[in-house]
Amino acid sequence: MADTNQPDYSGNVFEDGENVVVNMQSVEEAKFENVPKGVYDGEFESVEFTRSKNTNAPMLACWITITGPSNVGRKLPYYLVFSAKALPFTKAAINRIQDGATVLGGAQVNLQQIADSGALLGKKCRFRVGLKEYEGQDRSNITQFLPIQAGANGGGGQAAGKFA
């Protein structure tokens, strides 16, 4: 669904022979509205295996879509980091994701296979949102995963198996 409050910039990009020409003069800079602090239900929309830019630690970069009780459809990033320092916090998060312990709780887990298989896609979760400063501006941030409430957002479900 198109946002009728957004200006139409379709005429700002056009082809001039072999060149693409863009008129940025009338384009307004994007402004982001934070998701308010609170507790939300959600589900995993995408998961990608990557490495931290700062420490090169392996991680799963996730996008989570809010499913309720408000701000439905908004998306927030979350990073499951697998460094020695972060492992206890990552395990706490995993244990609160629907089937997380089944998917990621094995003795040996291949993170690339987890991402490639889509084993976390559609998994339900409940989380707390706070604000964190990023590049001088407050940004919405998932601060903690919470236990899924029975009946509120699913829970249970089919076990996805282990990946080694």
N, C-alpha and C. Protein backbone atom coordinates (compact mmCIF):
# COMPACT_ATOMS: atom_id res chain seq x y z
N MET A 1 0.84 -1.17 0.00
CA MET A 1 0.00 0.00 0.00
C MET A 1 0.89 1.23 0.00
N ALA A 2 0.66 2.17 -0.93
CA ALA A 2 1.48 3.37 -1.05
C ALA A 2 1.11 4.37 0.05
N ASP A 3 2.10 5.07 0.52
CA ASP A 3 1.90 6.10 1.52
C ASP A 3 1.57 7.39 0.78
N THR A 4 0.34 7.88 0.92
CA THR A 4 -0.10 9.06 0.18
C THR A 4 0.56 10.33 0.70
N ASN A 5 1.23 10.27 1.86
CA ASN A 5 1.92 11.44 2.39
C ASN A 5 3.31 11.61 1.79
N GLN A 6 3.78 10.63 1.04
CA GLN A 6 5.11 10.69 0.44
C GLN A 6 5.03 11.39 -0.91
N PRO A 7 5.98 12.29 -1.20
CA PRO A 7 6.01 12.92 -2.52
C PRO A 7 6.34 11.91 -3.61
N ASP A 8 5.90 12.20 -4.83
CA ASP A 8 6.18 11.33 -5.97
C ASP A 8 7.48 11.78 -6.63
N TYR A 9 8.51 10.95 -6.54
CA TYR A 9 9.80 11.27 -7.14
C TYR A 9 10.05 10.50 -8.43
N SER A 10 8.99 9.94 -9.02
CA SER A 10 9.18 9.11 -10.21
C SER A 10 9.79 9.89 -11.37
N GLY A 11 9.60 11.19 -11.43
CA GLY A 11 10.17 12.00 -12.50
C GLY A 11 11.60 12.44 -12.23
N ASN A 12 12.15 12.06 -11.10
CA ASN A 12 13.50 12.49 -10.74
C ASN A 12 14.59 11.55 -11.27
N VAL A 13 14.21 10.38 -11.78
CA VAL A 13 15.17 9.43 -12.33
C VAL A 13 14.75 9.13 -13.76
N PHE A 14 15.67 9.38 -14.70
CA PHE A 14 15.35 9.09 -16.08
C PHE A 14 16.62 8.73 -16.83
N GLU A 15 16.43 8.09 -17.98
CA GLU A 15 17.56 7.68 -18.79
C GLU A 15 17.78 8.69 -19.89
N ASP A 16 19.06 9.02 -20.11
CA ASP A 16 19.47 9.96 -21.15
C ASP A 16 20.45 9.22 -22.05
N GLY A 17 19.92 8.49 -23.01
CA GLY A 17 20.77 7.66 -23.86
C GLY A 17 21.30 6.49 -23.04
N GLU A 18 22.62 6.38 -22.91
CA GLU A 18 23.23 5.30 -22.14
C GLU A 18 23.42 5.67 -20.68
N ASN A 19 23.10 6.89 -20.32
CA ASN A 19 23.31 7.37 -18.96
C ASN A 19 22.01 7.39 -18.16
N VAL A 20 22.13 7.21 -16.87
CA VAL A 20 20.99 7.40 -15.97
C VAL A 20 21.21 8.73 -15.27
N VAL A 21 20.21 9.59 -15.34
CA VAL A 21 20.31 10.93 -14.77
C VAL A 21 19.33 11.02 -13.60
N VAL A 22 19.81 11.56 -12.48
CA VAL A 22 18.99 11.70 -11.28
C VAL A 22 19.00 13.17 -10.86
N ASN A 23 17.83 13.73 -10.63
CA ASN A 23 17.70 15.10 -10.13
C ASN A 23 17.42 15.02 -8.63
N MET A 24 18.42 15.31 -7.80
CA MET A 24 18.28 15.23 -6.34
C MET A 24 17.86 16.55 -5.72
N GLN A 25 17.75 17.62 -6.53
CA GLN A 25 17.49 18.95 -6.00
C GLN A 25 16.19 19.04 -5.22
N SER A 26 15.13 18.42 -5.69
CA SER A 26 13.83 18.55 -5.03
C SER A 26 13.52 17.40 -4.08
N VAL A 27 14.48 16.49 -3.88
CA VAL A 27 14.26 15.32 -3.03
C VAL A 27 14.54 15.68 -1.58
N GLU A 28 13.58 15.36 -0.71
CA GLU A 28 13.76 15.60 0.72
C GLU A 28 14.42 14.39 1.36
N GLU A 29 15.30 14.64 2.35
CA GLU A 29 15.98 13.56 3.07
C GLU A 29 14.96 12.75 3.87
N ALA A 30 15.14 11.43 3.89
CA ALA A 30 14.22 10.54 4.62
C ALA A 30 14.34 10.78 6.12
N LYS A 31 13.21 10.73 6.78
CA LYS A 31 13.18 10.84 8.24
C LYS A 31 12.54 9.57 8.77
N PHE A 32 13.11 9.02 9.85
CA PHE A 32 12.64 7.77 10.39
C PHE A 32 11.88 8.02 11.68
N GLU A 33 10.73 7.38 11.78
CA GLU A 33 9.94 7.47 13.00
C GLU A 33 10.22 6.21 13.82
N ASN A 34 10.67 6.40 15.04
CA ASN A 34 11.00 5.26 15.90
C ASN A 34 9.76 4.51 16.33
N VAL A 35 9.92 3.22 16.53
CA VAL A 35 8.88 2.41 17.16
C VAL A 35 8.91 2.81 18.65
N PRO A 36 7.79 3.17 19.24
CA PRO A 36 7.80 3.58 20.65
C PRO A 36 8.29 2.46 21.57
N LYS A 37 8.89 2.86 22.69
CA LYS A 37 9.30 1.90 23.70
C LYS A 37 8.11 1.06 24.11
N GLY A 38 8.33 -0.23 24.36
CA GLY A 38 7.24 -1.10 24.76
C GLY A 38 7.56 -2.54 24.48
N VAL A 39 6.56 -3.39 24.67
CA VAL A 39 6.69 -4.83 24.44
C VAL A 39 5.85 -5.17 23.21
N TYR A 40 6.45 -5.93 22.30
CA TYR A 40 5.81 -6.26 21.03
C TYR A 40 5.95 -7.75 20.74
N ASP A 41 5.01 -8.27 19.95
CA ASP A 41 5.09 -9.60 19.38
C ASP A 41 5.62 -9.45 17.96
N GLY A 42 6.32 -10.46 17.49
CA GLY A 42 6.85 -10.38 16.13
C GLY A 42 7.18 -11.74 15.58
N GLU A 43 7.69 -11.73 14.35
CA GLU A 43 8.17 -12.96 13.74
C GLU A 43 9.34 -12.64 12.83
N PHE A 44 10.21 -13.64 12.70
CA PHE A 44 11.43 -13.47 11.92
C PHE A 44 11.08 -13.44 10.43
N GLU A 45 11.48 -12.37 9.76
CA GLU A 45 11.21 -12.22 8.33
C GLU A 45 12.41 -12.61 7.48
N SER A 46 13.61 -12.28 7.94
CA SER A 46 14.80 -12.66 7.20
C SER A 46 15.95 -12.92 8.16
N VAL A 47 16.84 -13.81 7.74
CA VAL A 47 18.02 -14.17 8.55
C VAL A 47 19.18 -14.37 7.57
N GLU A 48 20.28 -13.69 7.85
CA GLU A 48 21.46 -13.79 6.99
C GLU A 48 22.69 -14.04 7.86
N PHE A 49 23.52 -14.99 7.45
CA PHE A 49 24.79 -15.20 8.13
C PHE A 49 25.76 -14.13 7.65
N THR A 50 26.42 -13.48 8.60
CA THR A 50 27.39 -12.44 8.28
C THR A 50 28.40 -12.34 9.41
N ARG A 51 29.24 -11.36 9.34
CA ARG A 51 30.23 -11.12 10.39
C ARG A 51 30.16 -9.67 10.83
N SER A 52 30.43 -9.45 12.11
CA SER A 52 30.44 -8.11 12.66
C SER A 52 31.51 -7.27 11.97
N LYS A 53 31.15 -6.03 11.61
CA LYS A 53 32.11 -5.14 10.97
C LYS A 53 33.23 -4.75 11.93
N ASN A 54 32.91 -4.65 13.22
CA ASN A 54 33.91 -4.21 14.20
C ASN A 54 34.83 -5.32 14.68
N THR A 55 34.27 -6.50 14.96
CA THR A 55 35.06 -7.56 15.59
C THR A 55 35.24 -8.80 14.72
N ASN A 56 34.54 -8.83 13.59
CA ASN A 56 34.55 -9.99 12.69
C ASN A 56 33.91 -11.23 13.34
N ALA A 57 33.17 -11.04 14.42
CA ALA A 57 32.49 -12.15 15.08
C ALA A 57 31.37 -12.67 14.17
N PRO A 58 31.17 -13.99 14.12
CA PRO A 58 30.06 -14.53 13.33
C PRO A 58 28.72 -14.14 13.96
N MET A 59 27.74 -13.88 13.10
CA MET A 59 26.42 -13.50 13.62
C MET A 59 25.34 -13.78 12.60
N LEU A 60 24.12 -13.87 13.10
CA LEU A 60 22.95 -13.95 12.25
C LEU A 60 22.27 -12.59 12.31
N ALA A 61 22.23 -11.91 11.17
CA ALA A 61 21.56 -10.62 11.07
C ALA A 61 20.10 -10.89 10.72
N CYS A 62 19.20 -10.49 11.60
CA CYS A 62 17.78 -10.82 11.47
C CYS A 62 16.94 -9.56 11.30
N TRP A 63 15.88 -9.67 10.54
CA TRP A 63 14.84 -8.63 10.49
C TRP A 63 13.58 -9.26 11.07
N ILE A 64 13.00 -8.56 12.02
CA ILE A 64 11.81 -9.05 12.72
C ILE A 64 10.66 -8.09 12.42
N THR A 65 9.54 -8.64 11.99
CA THR A 65 8.34 -7.85 11.70
C THR A 65 7.43 -7.87 12.91
N ILE A 66 6.99 -6.69 13.32
CA ILE A 66 6.07 -6.58 14.46
C ILE A 66 4.69 -7.07 14.03
N THR A 67 4.11 -7.97 14.84
CA THR A 67 2.77 -8.50 14.56
C THR A 67 1.73 -8.00 15.56
N GLY A 68 2.14 -7.26 16.57
CA GLY A 68 1.18 -6.70 17.53
C GLY A 68 1.86 -6.26 18.81
N PRO A 69 1.20 -5.66 19.71
CA PRO A 69 -0.20 -5.23 19.63
C PRO A 69 -0.40 -3.94 18.84
N SER A 70 0.68 -3.19 18.55
CA SER A 70 0.59 -1.97 17.73
C SER A 70 1.81 -1.94 16.82
N ASN A 71 1.84 -0.96 15.95
CA ASN A 71 2.95 -0.82 14.99
C ASN A 71 3.12 -2.06 14.11
N VAL A 72 2.01 -2.73 13.83
CA VAL A 72 2.02 -3.95 13.01
C VAL A 72 2.63 -3.65 11.64
N GLY A 73 3.54 -4.53 11.23
CA GLY A 73 4.19 -4.38 9.93
C GLY A 73 5.52 -3.67 9.98
N ARG A 74 5.79 -2.95 11.05
CA ARG A 74 7.10 -2.29 11.18
C ARG A 74 8.16 -3.36 11.37
N LYS A 75 9.38 -3.07 10.91
CA LYS A 75 10.47 -4.05 10.98
C LYS A 75 11.62 -3.49 11.79
N LEU A 76 12.25 -4.37 12.56
CA LEU A 76 13.41 -4.00 13.37
C LEU A 76 14.52 -5.02 13.15
N PRO A 77 15.78 -4.56 13.14
CA PRO A 77 16.89 -5.51 13.03
C PRO A 77 17.27 -6.06 14.39
N TYR A 78 17.84 -7.26 14.39
CA TYR A 78 18.42 -7.84 15.60
C TYR A 78 19.57 -8.74 15.17
N TYR A 79 20.65 -8.71 15.95
CA TYR A 79 21.84 -9.47 15.62
C TYR A 79 22.10 -10.51 16.69
N LEU A 80 22.05 -11.78 16.31
CA LEU A 80 22.44 -12.87 17.20
C LEU A 80 23.94 -13.06 16.99
N VAL A 81 24.73 -12.59 17.95
CA VAL A 81 26.19 -12.58 17.81
C VAL A 81 26.78 -13.79 18.52
N PHE A 82 27.70 -14.46 17.84
CA PHE A 82 28.30 -15.69 18.37
C PHE A 82 29.78 -15.47 18.69
N SER A 83 30.06 -14.46 19.54
CA SER A 83 31.41 -14.24 20.05
C SER A 83 31.44 -14.78 21.47
N ALA A 84 32.64 -15.02 21.99
CA ALA A 84 32.77 -15.55 23.36
C ALA A 84 32.06 -14.64 24.36
N LYS A 85 32.18 -13.33 24.19
CA LYS A 85 31.57 -12.38 25.11
C LYS A 85 30.04 -12.36 25.01
N ALA A 86 29.53 -12.53 23.81
CA ALA A 86 28.09 -12.40 23.57
C ALA A 86 27.31 -13.70 23.75
N LEU A 87 27.97 -14.85 23.78
CA LEU A 87 27.27 -16.14 23.79
C LEU A 87 26.20 -16.28 24.88
N PRO A 88 26.45 -15.88 26.13
CA PRO A 88 25.39 -16.03 27.14
C PRO A 88 24.13 -15.23 26.81
N PHE A 89 24.31 -14.03 26.23
CA PHE A 89 23.16 -13.19 25.86
C PHE A 89 22.45 -13.76 24.64
N THR A 90 23.24 -14.30 23.70
CA THR A 90 22.67 -14.92 22.52
C THR A 90 21.86 -16.15 22.90
N LYS A 91 22.38 -16.94 23.84
CA LYS A 91 21.64 -18.13 24.27
C LYS A 91 20.34 -17.74 24.95
N ALA A 92 20.35 -16.68 25.76
CA ALA A 92 19.12 -16.21 26.40
C ALA A 92 18.09 -15.81 25.35
N ALA A 93 18.52 -15.12 24.30
CA ALA A 93 17.60 -14.73 23.23
C ALA A 93 17.06 -15.95 22.51
N ILE A 94 17.95 -16.89 22.16
CA ILE A 94 17.56 -18.10 21.43
C ILE A 94 16.50 -18.88 22.20
N ASN A 95 16.65 -18.98 23.50
CA ASN A 95 15.71 -19.75 24.31
C ASN A 95 14.33 -19.11 24.41
N ARG A 96 14.20 -17.87 23.96
CA ARG A 96 12.90 -17.19 24.00
C ARG A 96 12.25 -17.03 22.63
N ILE A 97 12.92 -17.54 21.59
CA ILE A 97 12.37 -17.54 20.24
C ILE A 97 11.64 -18.86 20.04
N GLN A 98 10.49 -18.83 19.37
CA GLN A 98 9.74 -20.05 19.11
C GLN A 98 10.65 -21.07 18.44
N ASP A 99 10.79 -22.25 19.05
CA ASP A 99 11.63 -23.34 18.56
C ASP A 99 13.11 -22.97 18.47
N GLY A 100 13.52 -21.88 19.09
CA GLY A 100 14.90 -21.42 19.01
C GLY A 100 15.89 -22.42 19.55
N ALA A 101 15.57 -23.03 20.69
CA ALA A 101 16.48 -24.01 21.28
C ALA A 101 16.62 -25.24 20.39
N THR A 102 15.57 -25.59 19.67
CA THR A 102 15.63 -26.73 18.76
C THR A 102 16.49 -26.40 17.54
N VAL A 103 16.32 -25.20 17.00
CA VAL A 103 17.03 -24.80 15.80
C VAL A 103 18.49 -24.46 16.09
N LEU A 104 18.75 -23.74 17.18
CA LEU A 104 20.09 -23.22 17.45
C LEU A 104 20.76 -23.77 18.70
N GLY A 105 20.13 -24.70 19.39
CA GLY A 105 20.66 -25.14 20.67
C GLY A 105 21.51 -26.38 20.65
N GLY A 106 21.88 -26.86 19.48
CA GLY A 106 22.66 -28.09 19.38
C GLY A 106 24.09 -27.92 19.83
N ALA A 107 24.79 -29.05 19.95
CA ALA A 107 26.20 -29.03 20.36
C ALA A 107 27.06 -28.35 19.30
N GLN A 108 26.74 -28.57 18.04
CA GLN A 108 27.46 -27.92 16.94
C GLN A 108 26.43 -27.40 15.95
N VAL A 109 26.43 -26.09 15.75
CA VAL A 109 25.44 -25.46 14.89
C VAL A 109 26.17 -24.76 13.75
N ASN A 110 25.77 -25.03 12.52
CA ASN A 110 26.35 -24.38 11.36
C ASN A 110 25.48 -23.16 11.03
N LEU A 111 26.00 -21.97 11.32
CA LEU A 111 25.22 -20.75 11.17
C LEU A 111 24.84 -20.48 9.72
N GLN A 112 25.74 -20.79 8.79
CA GLN A 112 25.42 -20.59 7.37
C GLN A 112 24.23 -21.46 6.97
N GLN A 113 24.21 -22.73 7.43
CA GLN A 113 23.08 -23.62 7.11
C GLN A 113 21.79 -23.12 7.73
N ILE A 114 21.87 -22.58 8.95
CA ILE A 114 20.66 -22.04 9.59
C ILE A 114 20.09 -20.92 8.72
N ALA A 115 20.96 -20.00 8.29
CA ALA A 115 20.50 -18.88 7.46
C ALA A 115 19.95 -19.37 6.12
N ASP A 116 20.70 -20.25 5.47
CA ASP A 116 20.31 -20.72 4.14
C ASP A 116 19.02 -21.54 4.16
N SER A 117 18.80 -22.29 5.23
CA SER A 117 17.63 -23.17 5.30
C SER A 117 16.33 -22.43 5.59
N GLY A 118 16.44 -21.23 6.15
CA GLY A 118 15.23 -20.51 6.53
C GLY A 118 14.59 -21.06 7.79
N ALA A 119 15.36 -21.79 8.60
CA ALA A 119 14.82 -22.45 9.79
C ALA A 119 14.21 -21.48 10.80
N LEU A 120 14.64 -20.23 10.81
CA LEU A 120 14.07 -19.25 11.75
C LEU A 120 12.96 -18.41 11.14
N LEU A 121 12.79 -18.48 9.83
CA LEU A 121 11.77 -17.65 9.18
C LEU A 121 10.38 -18.01 9.67
N GLY A 122 9.63 -16.99 10.02
CA GLY A 122 8.27 -17.18 10.51
C GLY A 122 8.19 -17.54 11.99
N LYS A 123 9.33 -17.74 12.64
CA LYS A 123 9.31 -18.08 14.08
C LYS A 123 8.84 -16.87 14.88
N LYS A 124 8.01 -17.15 15.86
CA LYS A 124 7.41 -16.11 16.69
C LYS A 124 8.36 -15.70 17.80
N CYS A 125 8.20 -14.46 18.25
CA CYS A 125 8.99 -13.96 19.37
C CYS A 125 8.24 -12.81 20.04
N ARG A 126 8.68 -12.50 21.23
CA ARG A 126 8.15 -11.38 22.01
C ARG A 126 9.37 -10.62 22.50
N PHE A 127 9.35 -9.29 22.39
CA PHE A 127 10.55 -8.54 22.70
C PHE A 127 10.21 -7.14 23.23
N ARG A 128 11.21 -6.59 23.92
CA ARG A 128 11.11 -5.24 24.45
C ARG A 128 11.90 -4.30 23.54
N VAL A 129 11.30 -3.16 23.21
CA VAL A 129 11.95 -2.15 22.38
C VAL A 129 12.34 -0.97 23.24
N GLY A 130 13.54 -0.52 23.07
CA GLY A 130 14.03 0.69 23.71
C GLY A 130 14.60 1.60 22.64
N LEU A 131 15.21 2.68 23.06
CA LEU A 131 15.88 3.60 22.14
C LEU A 131 17.36 3.59 22.44
N LYS A 132 18.16 3.60 21.37
CA LYS A 132 19.61 3.61 21.51
C LYS A 132 20.16 4.65 20.54
N GLU A 133 21.14 5.41 20.99
CA GLU A 133 21.72 6.42 20.11
C GLU A 133 22.59 5.76 19.05
N TYR A 134 22.39 6.17 17.81
CA TYR A 134 23.17 5.69 16.68
C TYR A 134 23.45 6.88 15.78
N GLU A 135 24.71 7.18 15.56
CA GLU A 135 25.13 8.30 14.73
C GLU A 135 24.43 9.59 15.13
N GLY A 136 24.33 9.81 16.45
CA GLY A 136 23.77 11.05 16.98
C GLY A 136 22.26 11.12 17.04
N GLN A 137 21.56 10.06 16.67
CA GLN A 137 20.10 10.06 16.70
C GLN A 137 19.60 8.85 17.45
N ASP A 138 18.48 9.00 18.15
CA ASP A 138 17.85 7.86 18.81
C ASP A 138 17.24 6.94 17.77
N ARG A 139 17.46 5.64 17.93
CA ARG A 139 16.91 4.62 17.03
C ARG A 139 16.22 3.54 17.85
N SER A 140 15.16 2.98 17.30
CA SER A 140 14.49 1.85 17.96
C SER A 140 15.44 0.68 18.00
N ASN A 141 15.40 -0.05 19.12
CA ASN A 141 16.36 -1.12 19.34
C ASN A 141 15.68 -2.23 20.15
N ILE A 142 15.79 -3.48 19.68
CA ILE A 142 15.31 -4.60 20.48
C ILE A 142 16.31 -4.79 21.61
N THR A 143 15.85 -4.60 22.84
CA THR A 143 16.76 -4.68 23.98
C THR A 143 16.73 -6.04 24.65
N GLN A 144 15.63 -6.79 24.49
CA GLN A 144 15.51 -8.06 25.21
C GLN A 144 14.38 -8.89 24.60
N PHE A 145 14.63 -10.19 24.47
CA PHE A 145 13.56 -11.12 24.10
C PHE A 145 12.90 -11.59 25.38
N LEU A 146 11.60 -11.77 25.33
CA LEU A 146 10.80 -12.18 26.48
C LEU A 146 10.13 -13.51 26.16
N PRO A 147 9.70 -14.24 27.19
CA PRO A 147 8.96 -15.49 26.92
C PRO A 147 7.70 -15.18 26.11
N ILE A 148 7.40 -16.05 25.17
CA ILE A 148 6.19 -15.90 24.36
C ILE A 148 4.99 -16.25 25.24
N GLN A 149 3.97 -15.41 25.22
CA GLN A 149 2.77 -15.68 26.01
C GLN A 149 1.88 -16.65 25.24
N ALA A 150 1.41 -17.68 25.92
CA ALA A 150 0.55 -18.69 25.30
C ALA A 150 -0.66 -18.03 24.67
N GLY A 151 -0.90 -18.35 23.41
CA GLY A 151 -2.07 -17.84 22.71
C GLY A 151 -1.88 -16.46 22.11
N ALA A 152 -0.88 -15.70 22.56
CA ALA A 152 -0.71 -14.35 22.06
C ALA A 152 -0.05 -14.33 20.69
N ASN A 153 0.91 -15.21 20.48
CA ASN A 153 1.68 -15.12 19.26
C ASN A 153 2.10 -16.49 18.76
N GLY A 154 1.41 -17.49 19.12
CA GLY A 154 1.81 -18.82 18.67
C GLY A 154 2.51 -19.55 19.78
N GLY A 155 3.80 -19.80 19.59
CA GLY A 155 4.53 -20.62 20.54
C GLY A 155 4.38 -22.06 20.11
N GLY A 156 5.14 -22.91 20.67
CA GLY A 156 5.07 -24.31 20.25
C GLY A 156 5.42 -24.43 18.80
N GLY A 157 4.69 -25.18 18.05
CA GLY A 157 4.94 -25.29 16.62
C GLY A 157 5.81 -26.47 16.29
N GLN A 158 6.02 -26.66 15.03
CA GLN A 158 6.81 -27.77 14.52
C GLN A 158 8.29 -27.55 14.81
N ALA A 159 8.96 -28.55 15.29
CA ALA A 159 10.39 -28.47 15.51
C ALA A 159 11.09 -28.48 14.16
N ALA A 160 12.12 -27.63 14.02
CA ALA A 160 12.77 -27.48 12.73
C ALA A 160 13.99 -28.37 12.58
N GLY A 161 14.46 -28.98 13.63
CA GLY A 161 15.63 -29.84 13.52
C GLY A 161 16.90 -29.13 13.87
N LYS A 162 18.00 -29.90 13.91
CA LYS A 162 19.30 -29.34 14.25
C LYS A 162 20.18 -29.33 13.01
N PHE A 163 21.09 -28.38 12.99
CA PHE A 163 21.98 -28.23 11.85
C PHE A 163 23.41 -28.36 12.34
N ALA A 164 24.18 -29.26 11.76
CA ALA A 164 25.58 -29.46 12.16
C ALA A 164 26.47 -29.31 10.95
